[in-house]
Amino acid sequence: MKLAEIAERLDLEVHCCADRLDREVTRGYASDLMSDVIARAREGDLWVTLQVHLNVVAVAVMKGLSGVVFVNGREPEPETLDRARDEGLPLLTSGLPAFELVGRLYAMGVRGTDR
C-alpha cells in the first residue's frame, strides 16, 4: 500500500516530503525505543512513534523506512523537520493515540509481520 493512501484514509497531516508519498509501505512498526527500531524494523516499514526529536530521522533513514507517523498530536521539532527534508523522509502526524492508529492501520491491511 502506498504511503499516500494511508495518509488520505487516516487523515494524517503531512509535514514534509509530500512528493515522497508514493513510497510503498510493506509493514508497520510501532515503538518509542530507538534501539528497538534499529534492531527490529525493516526497510519499507512505516514507523509509528511519539518521539519527535532529531534521532528519529537518523534511525528511519538508516533502516530505510517508508516514513514516520507521530501520534498523540505531537509535532516534529524544527530541526527534525529540517533533517527529514534534507533526507527526503516523509513525516506525518495524527491526533490519535498509538494504539488507535495502529489498530486502524491493521484494519487497512498493514501488518507488523510477514505472516
PDB file of N, CA and C in Angstrom:
ATOM      1  N   MET A   1       0.849  -1.173   0.000  1.00  0.00           N
ATOM      2  CA  MET A   1       0.000   0.000   0.000  1.00  0.00           C
ATOM      3  C   MET A   1       0.897   1.239   0.000  1.00  0.00           C
ATOM      4  N   LYS A   2       0.506   2.228  -0.736  1.00  0.00           N
ATOM      5  CA  LYS A   2       1.287   3.460  -0.827  1.00  0.00           C
ATOM      6  C   LYS A   2       1.052   4.345   0.404  1.00  0.00           C
ATOM      7  N   LEU A   3       2.082   5.064   0.785  1.00  0.00           N
ATOM      8  CA  LEU A   3       2.000   5.984   1.922  1.00  0.00           C
ATOM      9  C   LEU A   3       0.929   7.042   1.685  1.00  0.00           C
ATOM     10  N   ALA A   4       0.740   7.478   0.456  1.00  0.00           N
ATOM     11  CA  ALA A   4      -0.284   8.483   0.131  1.00  0.00           C
ATOM     12  C   ALA A   4      -1.681   7.979   0.485  1.00  0.00           C
ATOM     13  N   GLU A   5      -1.966   6.718   0.195  1.00  0.00           N
ATOM     14  CA  GLU A   5      -3.277   6.156   0.511  1.00  0.00           C
ATOM     15  C   GLU A   5      -3.499   6.099   2.021  1.00  0.00           C
ATOM     16  N   ILE A   6      -2.477   5.713   2.747  1.00  0.00           N
ATOM     17  CA  ILE A   6      -2.576   5.664   4.207  1.00  0.00           C
ATOM     18  C   ILE A   6      -2.830   7.062   4.759  1.00  0.00           C
ATOM     19  N   ALA A   7      -2.067   8.036   4.275  1.00  0.00           N
ATOM     20  CA  ALA A   7      -2.220   9.417   4.746  1.00  0.00           C
ATOM     21  C   ALA A   7      -3.636   9.917   4.488  1.00  0.00           C
ATOM     22  N   GLU A   8      -4.165   9.624   3.324  1.00  0.00           N
ATOM     23  CA  GLU A   8      -5.506  10.092   2.983  1.00  0.00           C
ATOM     24  C   GLU A   8      -6.576   9.387   3.813  1.00  0.00           C
ATOM     25  N   ARG A   9      -6.501   8.088   3.887  1.00  0.00           N
ATOM     26  CA  ARG A   9      -7.539   7.323   4.597  1.00  0.00           C
ATOM     27  C   ARG A   9      -7.550   7.583   6.101  1.00  0.00           C
ATOM     28  N   LEU A  10      -6.392   7.882   6.664  1.00  0.00           N
ATOM     29  CA  LEU A  10      -6.303   8.114   8.111  1.00  0.00           C
ATOM     30  C   LEU A  10      -6.254   9.599   8.456  1.00  0.00           C
ATOM     31  N   ASP A  11      -6.410  10.443   7.449  1.00  0.00           N
ATOM     32  CA  ASP A  11      -6.418  11.887   7.646  1.00  0.00           C
ATOM     33  C   ASP A  11      -5.165  12.359   8.385  1.00  0.00           C
ATOM     34  N   LEU A  12      -4.009  11.884   7.927  1.00  0.00           N
ATOM     35  CA  LEU A  12      -2.743  12.266   8.532  1.00  0.00           C
ATOM     36  C   LEU A  12      -2.278  13.588   7.941  1.00  0.00           C
ATOM     37  N   GLU A  13      -1.675  14.410   8.770  1.00  0.00           N
ATOM     38  CA  GLU A  13      -1.106  15.666   8.289  1.00  0.00           C
ATOM     39  C   GLU A  13       0.323  15.407   7.829  1.00  0.00           C
ATOM     40  N   VAL A  14       0.636  15.816   6.620  1.00  0.00           N
ATOM     41  CA  VAL A  14       1.981  15.643   6.067  1.00  0.00           C
ATOM     42  C   VAL A  14       2.786  16.897   6.383  1.00  0.00           C
ATOM     43  N   HIS A  15       3.905  16.722   7.084  1.00  0.00           N
ATOM     44  CA  HIS A  15       4.736  17.854   7.488  1.00  0.00           C
ATOM     45  C   HIS A  15       5.894  18.105   6.548  1.00  0.00           C
ATOM     46  N   CYS A  16       6.331  17.086   5.868  1.00  0.00           N
ATOM     47  CA  CYS A  16       7.380  17.293   4.874  1.00  0.00           C
ATOM     48  C   CYS A  16       7.435  16.125   3.915  1.00  0.00           C
ATOM     49  N   CYS A  17       8.027  16.413   2.770  1.00  0.00           N
ATOM     50  CA  CYS A  17       8.284  15.404   1.741  1.00  0.00           C
ATOM     51  C   CYS A  17       7.015  14.798   1.160  1.00  0.00           C
ATOM     52  N   ALA A  18       6.014  15.640   0.922  1.00  0.00           N
ATOM     53  CA  ALA A  18       4.762  15.177   0.317  1.00  0.00           C
ATOM     54  C   ALA A  18       5.012  14.560  -1.053  1.00  0.00           C
ATOM     55  N   ASP A  19       6.096  14.955  -1.700  1.00  0.00           N
ATOM     56  CA  ASP A  19       6.435  14.394  -3.005  1.00  0.00           C
ATOM     57  C   ASP A  19       6.978  12.973  -2.914  1.00  0.00           C
ATOM     58  N   ARG A  20       7.140  12.469  -1.699  1.00  0.00           N
ATOM     59  CA  ARG A  20       7.659  11.113  -1.490  1.00  0.00           C
ATOM     60  C   ARG A  20       6.579  10.150  -0.983  1.00  0.00           C
ATOM     61  N   LEU A  21       5.332  10.548  -1.051  1.00  0.00           N
ATOM     62  CA  LEU A  21       4.246   9.706  -0.542  1.00  0.00           C
ATOM     63  C   LEU A  21       3.913   8.544  -1.465  1.00  0.00           C
ATOM     64  N   ASP A  22       4.636   8.433  -2.576  1.00  0.00           N
ATOM     65  CA  ASP A  22       4.435   7.292  -3.461  1.00  0.00           C
ATOM     66  C   ASP A  22       5.203   6.060  -2.975  1.00  0.00           C
ATOM     67  N   ARG A  23       5.867   6.182  -1.847  1.00  0.00           N
ATOM     68  CA  ARG A  23       6.608   5.053  -1.277  1.00  0.00           C
ATOM     69  C   ARG A  23       5.660   3.937  -0.871  1.00  0.00           C
ATOM     70  N   GLU A  24       6.125   2.726  -1.071  1.00  0.00           N
ATOM     71  CA  GLU A  24       5.360   1.548  -0.684  1.00  0.00           C
ATOM     72  C   GLU A  24       5.596   1.257   0.802  1.00  0.00           C
ATOM     73  N   VAL A  25       4.507   1.044   1.524  1.00  0.00           N
ATOM     74  CA  VAL A  25       4.591   0.631   2.928  1.00  0.00           C
ATOM     75  C   VAL A  25       4.428  -0.880   2.948  1.00  0.00           C
ATOM     76  N   THR A  26       5.470  -1.575   3.343  1.00  0.00           N
ATOM     77  CA  THR A  26       5.430  -3.033   3.321  1.00  0.00           C
ATOM     78  C   THR A  26       4.921  -3.622   4.629  1.00  0.00           C
ATOM     79  N   ARG A  27       5.155  -2.919   5.727  1.00  0.00           N
ATOM     80  CA  ARG A  27       4.702  -3.355   7.046  1.00  0.00           C
ATOM     81  C   ARG A  27       4.602  -2.119   7.935  1.00  0.00           C
ATOM     82  N   GLY A  28       4.159  -2.320   9.155  1.00  0.00           N
ATOM     83  CA  GLY A  28       4.143  -1.255  10.137  1.00  0.00           C
ATOM     84  C   GLY A  28       5.013  -1.631  11.319  1.00  0.00           C
ATOM     85  N   TYR A  29       5.517  -0.615  12.018  1.00  0.00           N
ATOM     86  CA  TYR A  29       6.293  -0.850  13.227  1.00  0.00           C
ATOM     87  C   TYR A  29       5.987   0.257  14.219  1.00  0.00           C
ATOM     88  N   ALA A  30       5.620  -0.112  15.439  1.00  0.00           N
ATOM     89  CA  ALA A  30       5.292   0.860  16.482  1.00  0.00           C
ATOM     90  C   ALA A  30       6.243   0.666  17.659  1.00  0.00           C
ATOM     91  N   SER A  31       6.993   1.695  17.970  1.00  0.00           N
ATOM     92  CA  SER A  31       7.904   1.657  19.110  1.00  0.00           C
ATOM     93  C   SER A  31       8.389   3.065  19.400  1.00  0.00           C
ATOM     94  N   ASP A  32       8.707   3.300  20.666  1.00  0.00           N
ATOM     95  CA  ASP A  32       9.276   4.579  21.078  1.00  0.00           C
ATOM     96  C   ASP A  32      10.729   4.434  21.507  1.00  0.00           C
ATOM     97  N   LEU A  33      11.277   3.241  21.362  1.00  0.00           N
ATOM     98  CA  LEU A  33      12.670   2.990  21.715  1.00  0.00           C
ATOM     99  C   LEU A  33      13.525   2.904  20.460  1.00  0.00           C
ATOM    100  N   MET A  34      14.479   3.791  20.334  1.00  0.00           N
ATOM    101  CA  MET A  34      15.343   3.815  19.151  1.00  0.00           C
ATOM    102  C   MET A  34      16.048   2.471  18.964  1.00  0.00           C
ATOM    103  N   SER A  35      16.565   1.906  20.057  1.00  0.00           N
ATOM    104  CA  SER A  35      17.299   0.645  19.952  1.00  0.00           C
ATOM    105  C   SER A  35      16.402  -0.478  19.446  1.00  0.00           C
ATOM    106  N   ASP A  36      15.136  -0.467  19.809  1.00  0.00           N
ATOM    107  CA  ASP A  36      14.193  -1.474  19.338  1.00  0.00           C
ATOM    108  C   ASP A  36      13.962  -1.343  17.836  1.00  0.00           C
ATOM    109  N   VAL A  37      13.785  -0.121  17.373  1.00  0.00           N
ATOM    110  CA  VAL A  37      13.575   0.119  15.943  1.00  0.00           C
ATOM    111  C   VAL A  37      14.815  -0.278  15.155  1.00  0.00           C
ATOM    112  N   ILE A  38      15.980   0.063  15.659  1.00  0.00           N
ATOM    113  CA  ILE A  38      17.235  -0.314  14.997  1.00  0.00           C
ATOM    114  C   ILE A  38      17.340  -1.830  14.882  1.00  0.00           C
ATOM    115  N   ALA A  39      16.971  -2.531  15.930  1.00  0.00           N
ATOM    116  CA  ALA A  39      17.111  -3.988  15.955  1.00  0.00           C
ATOM    117  C   ALA A  39      16.049  -4.717  15.141  1.00  0.00           C
ATOM    118  N   ARG A  40      14.810  -4.182  15.069  1.00  0.00           N
ATOM    119  CA  ARG A  40      13.721  -4.985  14.530  1.00  0.00           C
ATOM    120  C   ARG A  40      12.965  -4.423  13.326  1.00  0.00           C
ATOM    121  N   ALA A  41      12.991  -3.127  13.122  1.00  0.00           N
ATOM    122  CA  ALA A  41      12.258  -2.570  11.977  1.00  0.00           C
ATOM    123  C   ALA A  41      12.961  -2.978  10.685  1.00  0.00           C
ATOM    124  N   ARG A  42      12.166  -3.032   9.609  1.00  0.00           N
ATOM    125  CA  ARG A  42      12.709  -3.439   8.319  1.00  0.00           C
ATOM    126  C   ARG A  42      12.483  -2.352   7.272  1.00  0.00           C
ATOM    127  N   GLU A  43      13.278  -2.417   6.244  1.00  0.00           N
ATOM    128  CA  GLU A  43      13.132  -1.489   5.130  1.00  0.00           C
ATOM    129  C   GLU A  43      11.688  -1.509   4.629  1.00  0.00           C
ATOM    130  N   GLY A  44      11.130  -0.327   4.408  1.00  0.00           N
ATOM    131  CA  GLY A  44       9.759  -0.210   3.915  1.00  0.00           C
ATOM    132  C   GLY A  44       8.708  -0.100   4.995  1.00  0.00           C
ATOM    133  N   ASP A  45       9.088  -0.318   6.262  1.00  0.00           N
ATOM    134  CA  ASP A  45       8.126  -0.194   7.362  1.00  0.00           C
ATOM    135  C   ASP A  45       7.701   1.260   7.546  1.00  0.00           C
ATOM    136  N   LEU A  46       6.493   1.444   8.017  1.00  0.00           N
ATOM    137  CA  LEU A  46       6.000   2.750   8.459  1.00  0.00           C
ATOM    138  C   LEU A  46       6.111   2.759   9.969  1.00  0.00           C
ATOM    139  N   TRP A  47       6.861   3.709  10.510  1.00  0.00           N
ATOM    140  CA  TRP A  47       7.137   3.767  11.941  1.00  0.00           C
ATOM    141  C   TRP A  47       6.131   4.675  12.625  1.00  0.00           C
ATOM    142  N   VAL A  48       5.477   4.145  13.656  1.00  0.00           N
ATOM    143  CA  VAL A  48       4.542   4.907  14.491  1.00  0.00           C
ATOM    144  C   VAL A  48       5.222   5.147  15.837  1.00  0.00           C
ATOM    145  N   THR A  49       5.331   6.422  16.235  1.00  0.00           N
ATOM    146  CA  THR A  49       6.028   6.766  17.471  1.00  0.00           C
ATOM    147  C   THR A  49       5.524   8.088  18.035  1.00  0.00           C
ATOM    148  N   LEU A  50       5.828   8.321  19.298  1.00  0.00           N
ATOM    149  CA  LEU A  50       5.557   9.639  19.877  1.00  0.00           C
ATOM    150  C   LEU A  50       6.831  10.452  20.034  1.00  0.00           C
ATOM    151  N   GLN A  51       7.977   9.866  19.710  1.00  0.00           N
ATOM    152  CA  GLN A  51       9.251  10.585  19.757  1.00  0.00           C
ATOM    153  C   GLN A  51       9.313  11.570  18.591  1.00  0.00           C
ATOM    154  N   VAL A  52       9.671  12.808  18.841  1.00  0.00           N
ATOM    155  CA  VAL A  52       9.670  13.835  17.790  1.00  0.00           C
ATOM    156  C   VAL A  52      11.041  14.486  17.575  1.00  0.00           C
ATOM    157  N   HIS A  53      12.080  13.938  18.185  1.00  0.00           N
ATOM    158  CA  HIS A  53      13.403  14.558  18.119  1.00  0.00           C
ATOM    159  C   HIS A  53      14.197  14.105  16.894  1.00  0.00           C
ATOM    160  N   LEU A  54      15.317  14.730  16.709  1.00  0.00           N
ATOM    161  CA  LEU A  54      16.173  14.551  15.548  1.00  0.00           C
ATOM    162  C   LEU A  54      16.606  13.106  15.308  1.00  0.00           C
ATOM    163  N   ASN A  55      16.836  12.348  16.359  1.00  0.00           N
ATOM    164  CA  ASN A  55      17.326  10.976  16.198  1.00  0.00           C
ATOM    165  C   ASN A  55      16.342  10.083  15.461  1.00  0.00           C
ATOM    166  N   VAL A  56      15.064  10.445  15.466  1.00  0.00           N
ATOM    167  CA  VAL A  56      14.058   9.662  14.740  1.00  0.00           C
ATOM    168  C   VAL A  56      14.416   9.613  13.256  1.00  0.00           C
ATOM    169  N   VAL A  57      14.821  10.733  12.712  1.00  0.00           N
ATOM    170  CA  VAL A  57      15.163  10.787  11.288  1.00  0.00           C
ATOM    171  C   VAL A  57      16.391   9.924  11.010  1.00  0.00           C
ATOM    172  N   ALA A  58      17.392  10.021  11.851  1.00  0.00           N
ATOM    173  CA  ALA A  58      18.609   9.229  11.649  1.00  0.00           C
ATOM    174  C   ALA A  58      18.299   7.741  11.631  1.00  0.00           C
ATOM    175  N   VAL A  59      17.499   7.287  12.565  1.00  0.00           N
ATOM    176  CA  VAL A  59      17.151   5.864  12.636  1.00  0.00           C
ATOM    177  C   VAL A  59      16.304   5.462  11.430  1.00  0.00           C
ATOM    178  N   ALA A  60      15.317   6.266  11.087  1.00  0.00           N
ATOM    179  CA  ALA A  60      14.431   5.936   9.964  1.00  0.00           C
ATOM    180  C   ALA A  60      15.199   5.858   8.650  1.00  0.00           C
ATOM    181  N   VAL A  61      16.119   6.775   8.442  1.00  0.00           N
ATOM    182  CA  VAL A  61      16.916   6.764   7.212  1.00  0.00           C
ATOM    183  C   VAL A  61      17.855   5.566   7.205  1.00  0.00           C
ATOM    184  N   MET A  62      18.509   5.305   8.334  1.00  0.00           N
ATOM    185  CA  MET A  62      19.426   4.169   8.432  1.00  0.00           C
ATOM    186  C   MET A  62      18.717   2.856   8.106  1.00  0.00           C
ATOM    187  N   LYS A  63      17.465   2.719   8.546  1.00  0.00           N
ATOM    188  CA  LYS A  63      16.712   1.481   8.338  1.00  0.00           C
ATOM    189  C   LYS A  63      15.954   1.459   7.009  1.00  0.00           C
ATOM    190  N   GLY A  64      15.920   2.566   6.287  1.00  0.00           N
ATOM    191  CA  GLY A  64      15.207   2.608   5.012  1.00  0.00           C
ATOM    192  C   GLY A  64      13.701   2.559   5.170  1.00  0.00           C
ATOM    193  N   LEU A  65      13.184   3.201   6.221  1.00  0.00           N
ATOM    194  CA  LEU A  65      11.743   3.178   6.475  1.00  0.00           C
ATOM    195  C   LEU A  65      11.010   4.064   5.478  1.00  0.00           C
ATOM    196  N   SER A  66       9.743   3.740   5.232  1.00  0.00           N
ATOM    197  CA  SER A  66       8.963   4.494   4.244  1.00  0.00           C
ATOM    198  C   SER A  66       8.526   5.847   4.773  1.00  0.00           C
ATOM    199  N   GLY A  67       8.420   5.986   6.079  1.00  0.00           N
ATOM    200  CA  GLY A  67       8.018   7.238   6.692  1.00  0.00           C
ATOM    201  C   GLY A  67       7.821   7.069   8.180  1.00  0.00           C
ATOM    202  N   VAL A  68       7.497   8.186   8.841  1.00  0.00           N
ATOM    203  CA  VAL A  68       7.274   8.187  10.286  1.00  0.00           C
ATOM    204  C   VAL A  68       5.970   8.914  10.565  1.00  0.00           C
ATOM    205  N   VAL A  69       5.147   8.317  11.438  1.00  0.00           N
ATOM    206  CA  VAL A  69       3.916   8.964  11.895  1.00  0.00           C
ATOM    207  C   VAL A  69       4.056   9.240  13.384  1.00  0.00           C
ATOM    208  N   PHE A  70       3.927  10.512  13.747  1.00  0.00           N
ATOM    209  CA  PHE A  70       3.936  10.917  15.150  1.00  0.00           C
ATOM    210  C   PHE A  70       2.496  10.923  15.644  1.00  0.00           C
ATOM    211  N   VAL A  71       2.272  10.371  16.822  1.00  0.00           N
ATOM    212  CA  VAL A  71       0.924  10.224  17.367  1.00  0.00           C
ATOM    213  C   VAL A  71       0.662  11.191  18.513  1.00  0.00           C
ATOM    214  N   ASN A  72      -0.551  11.147  19.027  1.00  0.00           N
ATOM    215  CA  ASN A  72      -0.984  11.969  20.169  1.00  0.00           C
ATOM    216  C   ASN A  72      -0.912  13.462  19.870  1.00  0.00           C
ATOM    217  N   GLY A  73      -1.010  13.831  18.599  1.00  0.00           N
ATOM    218  CA  GLY A  73      -0.963  15.241  18.232  1.00  0.00           C
ATOM    219  C   GLY A  73       0.403  15.879  18.361  1.00  0.00           C
ATOM    220  N   ARG A  74       1.425  15.073  18.538  1.00  0.00           N
ATOM    221  CA  ARG A  74       2.783  15.624  18.673  1.00  0.00           C
ATOM    222  C   ARG A  74       3.292  16.124  17.336  1.00  0.00           C
ATOM    223  N   GLU A  75       3.996  17.239  17.382  1.00  0.00           N
ATOM    224  CA  GLU A  75       4.552  17.871  16.187  1.00  0.00           C
ATOM    225  C   GLU A  75       6.064  17.665  16.187  1.00  0.00           C
ATOM    226  N   PRO A  76       6.654  17.389  15.020  1.00  0.00           N
ATOM    227  CA  PRO A  76       8.108  17.230  14.967  1.00  0.00           C
ATOM    228  C   PRO A  76       8.819  18.535  15.301  1.00  0.00           C
ATOM    229  N   GLU A  77       9.937  18.415  15.994  1.00  0.00           N
ATOM    230  CA  GLU A  77      10.749  19.584  16.320  1.00  0.00           C
ATOM    231  C   GLU A  77      11.279  20.203  15.028  1.00  0.00           C
ATOM    232  N   PRO A  78      11.551  21.517  15.026  1.00  0.00           N
ATOM    233  CA  PRO A  78      12.033  22.183  13.801  1.00  0.00           C
ATOM    234  C   PRO A  78      13.278  21.530  13.196  1.00  0.00           C
ATOM    235  N   GLU A  79      14.228  21.150  14.034  1.00  0.00           N
ATOM    236  CA  GLU A  79      15.437  20.526  13.495  1.00  0.00           C
ATOM    237  C   GLU A  79      15.147  19.127  12.936  1.00  0.00           C
ATOM    238  N   THR A  80      14.135  18.471  13.477  1.00  0.00           N
ATOM    239  CA  THR A  80      13.711  17.170  12.948  1.00  0.00           C
ATOM    240  C   THR A  80      13.145  17.347  11.539  1.00  0.00           C
ATOM    241  N   LEU A  81      12.311  18.361  11.375  1.00  0.00           N
ATOM    242  CA  LEU A  81      11.758  18.663  10.049  1.00  0.00           C
ATOM    243  C   LEU A  81      12.852  19.011   9.047  1.00  0.00           C
ATOM    244  N   ASP A  82      13.794  19.834   9.467  1.00  0.00           N
ATOM    245  CA  ASP A  82      14.883  20.225   8.571  1.00  0.00           C
ATOM    246  C   ASP A  82      15.666  19.011   8.094  1.00  0.00           C
ATOM    247  N   ARG A  83      16.012  18.133   9.015  1.00  0.00           N
ATOM    248  CA  ARG A  83      16.786  16.942   8.656  1.00  0.00           C
ATOM    249  C   ARG A  83      15.969  16.011   7.770  1.00  0.00           C
ATOM    250  N   ALA A  84      14.682  15.851   8.067  1.00  0.00           N
ATOM    251  CA  ALA A  84      13.826  14.989   7.247  1.00  0.00           C
ATOM    252  C   ALA A  84      13.737  15.524   5.820  1.00  0.00           C
ATOM    253  N   ARG A  85      13.625  16.832   5.665  1.00  0.00           N
ATOM    254  CA  ARG A  85      13.609  17.435   4.318  1.00  0.00           C
ATOM    255  C   ARG A  85      14.916  17.133   3.585  1.00  0.00           C
ATOM    256  N   ASP A  86      16.030  17.295   4.293  1.00  0.00           N
ATOM    257  CA  ASP A  86      17.334  17.011   3.692  1.00  0.00           C
ATOM    258  C   ASP A  86      17.445  15.553   3.238  1.00  0.00           C
ATOM    259  N   GLU A  87      16.852  14.653   4.009  1.00  0.00           N
ATOM    260  CA  GLU A  87      16.958  13.219   3.741  1.00  0.00           C
ATOM    261  C   GLU A  87      15.820  12.692   2.856  1.00  0.00           C
ATOM    262  N   GLY A  88      14.787  13.509   2.630  1.00  0.00           N
ATOM    263  CA  GLY A  88      13.649  13.053   1.829  1.00  0.00           C
ATOM    264  C   GLY A  88      12.766  12.062   2.555  1.00  0.00           C
ATOM    265  N   LEU A  89      12.650  12.202   3.873  1.00  0.00           N
ATOM    266  CA  LEU A  89      11.858  11.284   4.686  1.00  0.00           C
ATOM    267  C   LEU A  89      10.505  11.901   5.029  1.00  0.00           C
ATOM    268  N   PRO A  90       9.403  11.301   4.585  1.00  0.00           N
ATOM    269  CA  PRO A  90       8.086  11.830   4.934  1.00  0.00           C
ATOM    270  C   PRO A  90       7.809  11.735   6.435  1.00  0.00           C
ATOM    271  N   LEU A  91       7.377  12.862   7.011  1.00  0.00           N
ATOM    272  CA  LEU A  91       6.947  12.909   8.405  1.00  0.00           C
ATOM    273  C   LEU A  91       5.482  13.306   8.418  1.00  0.00           C
ATOM    274  N   LEU A  92       4.688  12.516   9.153  1.00  0.00           N
ATOM    275  CA  LEU A  92       3.257  12.747   9.227  1.00  0.00           C
ATOM    276  C   LEU A  92       2.825  12.747  10.682  1.00  0.00           C
ATOM    277  N   THR A  93       1.670  13.360  10.957  1.00  0.00           N
ATOM    278  CA  THR A  93       1.168  13.372  12.331  1.00  0.00           C
ATOM    279  C   THR A  93      -0.289  12.957  12.375  1.00  0.00           C
ATOM    280  N   SER A  94      -0.666  12.461  13.559  1.00  0.00           N
ATOM    281  CA  SER A  94      -2.042  12.074  13.840  1.00  0.00           C
ATOM    282  C   SER A  94      -2.377  12.512  15.262  1.00  0.00           C
ATOM    283  N   GLY A  95      -3.599  12.928  15.458  1.00  0.00           N
ATOM    284  CA  GLY A  95      -4.056  13.259  16.803  1.00  0.00           C
ATOM    285  C   GLY A  95      -4.422  12.025  17.606  1.00  0.00           C
ATOM    286  N   LEU A  96      -4.472  10.879  16.944  1.00  0.00           N
ATOM    287  CA  LEU A  96      -4.848   9.638  17.622  1.00  0.00           C
ATOM    288  C   LEU A  96      -3.720   9.117  18.502  1.00  0.00           C
ATOM    289  N   PRO A  97      -4.060   8.374  19.560  1.00  0.00           N
ATOM    290  CA  PRO A  97      -3.020   7.669  20.311  1.00  0.00           C
ATOM    291  C   PRO A  97      -2.482   6.508  19.468  1.00  0.00           C
ATOM    292  N   ALA A  98      -1.310   6.046  19.794  1.00  0.00           N
ATOM    293  CA  ALA A  98      -0.655   4.981  19.025  1.00  0.00           C
ATOM    294  C   ALA A  98      -1.537   3.744  18.905  1.00  0.00           C
ATOM    295  N   PHE A  99      -2.165   3.335  19.981  1.00  0.00           N
ATOM    296  CA  PHE A  99      -2.991   2.120  19.967  1.00  0.00           C
ATOM    297  C   PHE A  99      -4.088   2.220  18.924  1.00  0.00           C
ATOM    298  N   GLU A 100      -4.763   3.349  18.887  1.00  0.00           N
ATOM    299  CA  GLU A 100      -5.852   3.553  17.931  1.00  0.00           C
ATOM    300  C   GLU A 100      -5.328   3.612  16.496  1.00  0.00           C
ATOM    301  N   LEU A 101      -4.247   4.339  16.275  1.00  0.00           N
ATOM    302  CA  LEU A 101      -3.697   4.459  14.924  1.00  0.00           C
ATOM    303  C   LEU A 101      -3.225   3.111  14.396  1.00  0.00           C
ATOM    304  N   VAL A 102      -2.536   2.357  15.225  1.00  0.00           N
ATOM    305  CA  VAL A 102      -2.057   1.040  14.806  1.00  0.00           C
ATOM    306  C   VAL A 102      -3.246   0.119  14.502  1.00  0.00           C
ATOM    307  N   GLY A 103      -4.292   0.193  15.296  1.00  0.00           N
ATOM    308  CA  GLY A 103      -5.479  -0.604  15.020  1.00  0.00           C
ATOM    309  C   GLY A 103      -6.089  -0.264  13.671  1.00  0.00           C
ATOM    310  N   ARG A 104      -6.121   1.004  13.336  1.00  0.00           N
ATOM    311  CA  ARG A 104      -6.668   1.423  12.038  1.00  0.00           C
ATOM    312  C   ARG A 104      -5.763   0.978  10.894  1.00  0.00           C
ATOM    313  N   LEU A 105      -4.461   1.070  11.098  1.00  0.00           N
ATOM    314  CA  LEU A 105      -3.535   0.568  10.084  1.00  0.00           C
ATOM    315  C   LEU A 105      -3.747  -0.930   9.860  1.00  0.00           C
ATOM    316  N   TYR A 106      -3.909  -1.663  10.932  1.00  0.00           N
ATOM    317  CA  TYR A 106      -4.123  -3.106  10.842  1.00  0.00           C
ATOM    318  C   TYR A 106      -5.415  -3.402  10.083  1.00  0.00           C
ATOM    319  N   ALA A 107      -6.457  -2.651  10.371  1.00  0.00           N
ATOM    320  CA  ALA A 107      -7.739  -2.838   9.684  1.00  0.00           C
ATOM    321  C   ALA A 107      -7.616  -2.551   8.188  1.00  0.00           C
ATOM    322  N   MET A 108      -6.661  -1.711   7.814  1.00  0.00           N
ATOM    323  CA  MET A 108      -6.417  -1.397   6.410  1.00  0.00           C
ATOM    324  C   MET A 108      -5.550  -2.449   5.721  1.00  0.00           C
ATOM    325  N   GLY A 109      -5.042  -3.396   6.495  1.00  0.00           N
ATOM    326  CA  GLY A 109      -4.215  -4.458   5.915  1.00  0.00           C
ATOM    327  C   GLY A 109      -2.729  -4.322   6.157  1.00  0.00           C
ATOM    328  N   VAL A 110      -2.309  -3.289   6.879  1.00  0.00           N
ATOM    329  CA  VAL A 110      -0.896  -3.123   7.204  1.00  0.00           C
ATOM    330  C   VAL A 110      -0.592  -4.015   8.395  1.00  0.00           C
ATOM    331  N   ARG A 111       0.346  -4.915   8.226  1.00  0.00           N
ATOM    332  CA  ARG A 111       0.697  -5.861   9.281  1.00  0.00           C
ATOM    333  C   ARG A 111       2.086  -5.551   9.823  1.00  0.00           C
ATOM    334  N   GLY A 112       2.371  -6.109  10.984  1.00  0.00           N
ATOM    335  CA  GLY A 112       3.674  -5.935  11.611  1.00  0.00           C
ATOM    336  C   GLY A 112       4.607  -7.095  11.363  1.00  0.00           C
ATOM    337  N   THR A 113       4.103  -8.128  10.701  1.00  0.00           N
ATOM    338  CA  THR A 113       4.925  -9.285  10.382  1.00  0.00           C
ATOM    339  C   THR A 113       4.679  -9.663   8.928  1.00  0.00           C
ATOM    340  N   ASP A 114       5.460 -10.577   8.453  1.00  0.00           N
ATOM    341  CA  ASP A 114       5.297 -11.048   7.077  1.00  0.00           C
ATOM    342  C   ASP A 114       4.331 -12.224   6.996  1.00  0.00           C
ATOM    343  N   ARG A 115       3.784 -12.643   8.125  1.00  0.00           N
ATOM    344  CA  ARG A 115       2.884 -13.815   8.156  1.00  0.00           C
ATOM    345  C   ARG A 115       1.515 -13.453   7.668  1.00  0.00           C
TER     346      ARG A 115
END
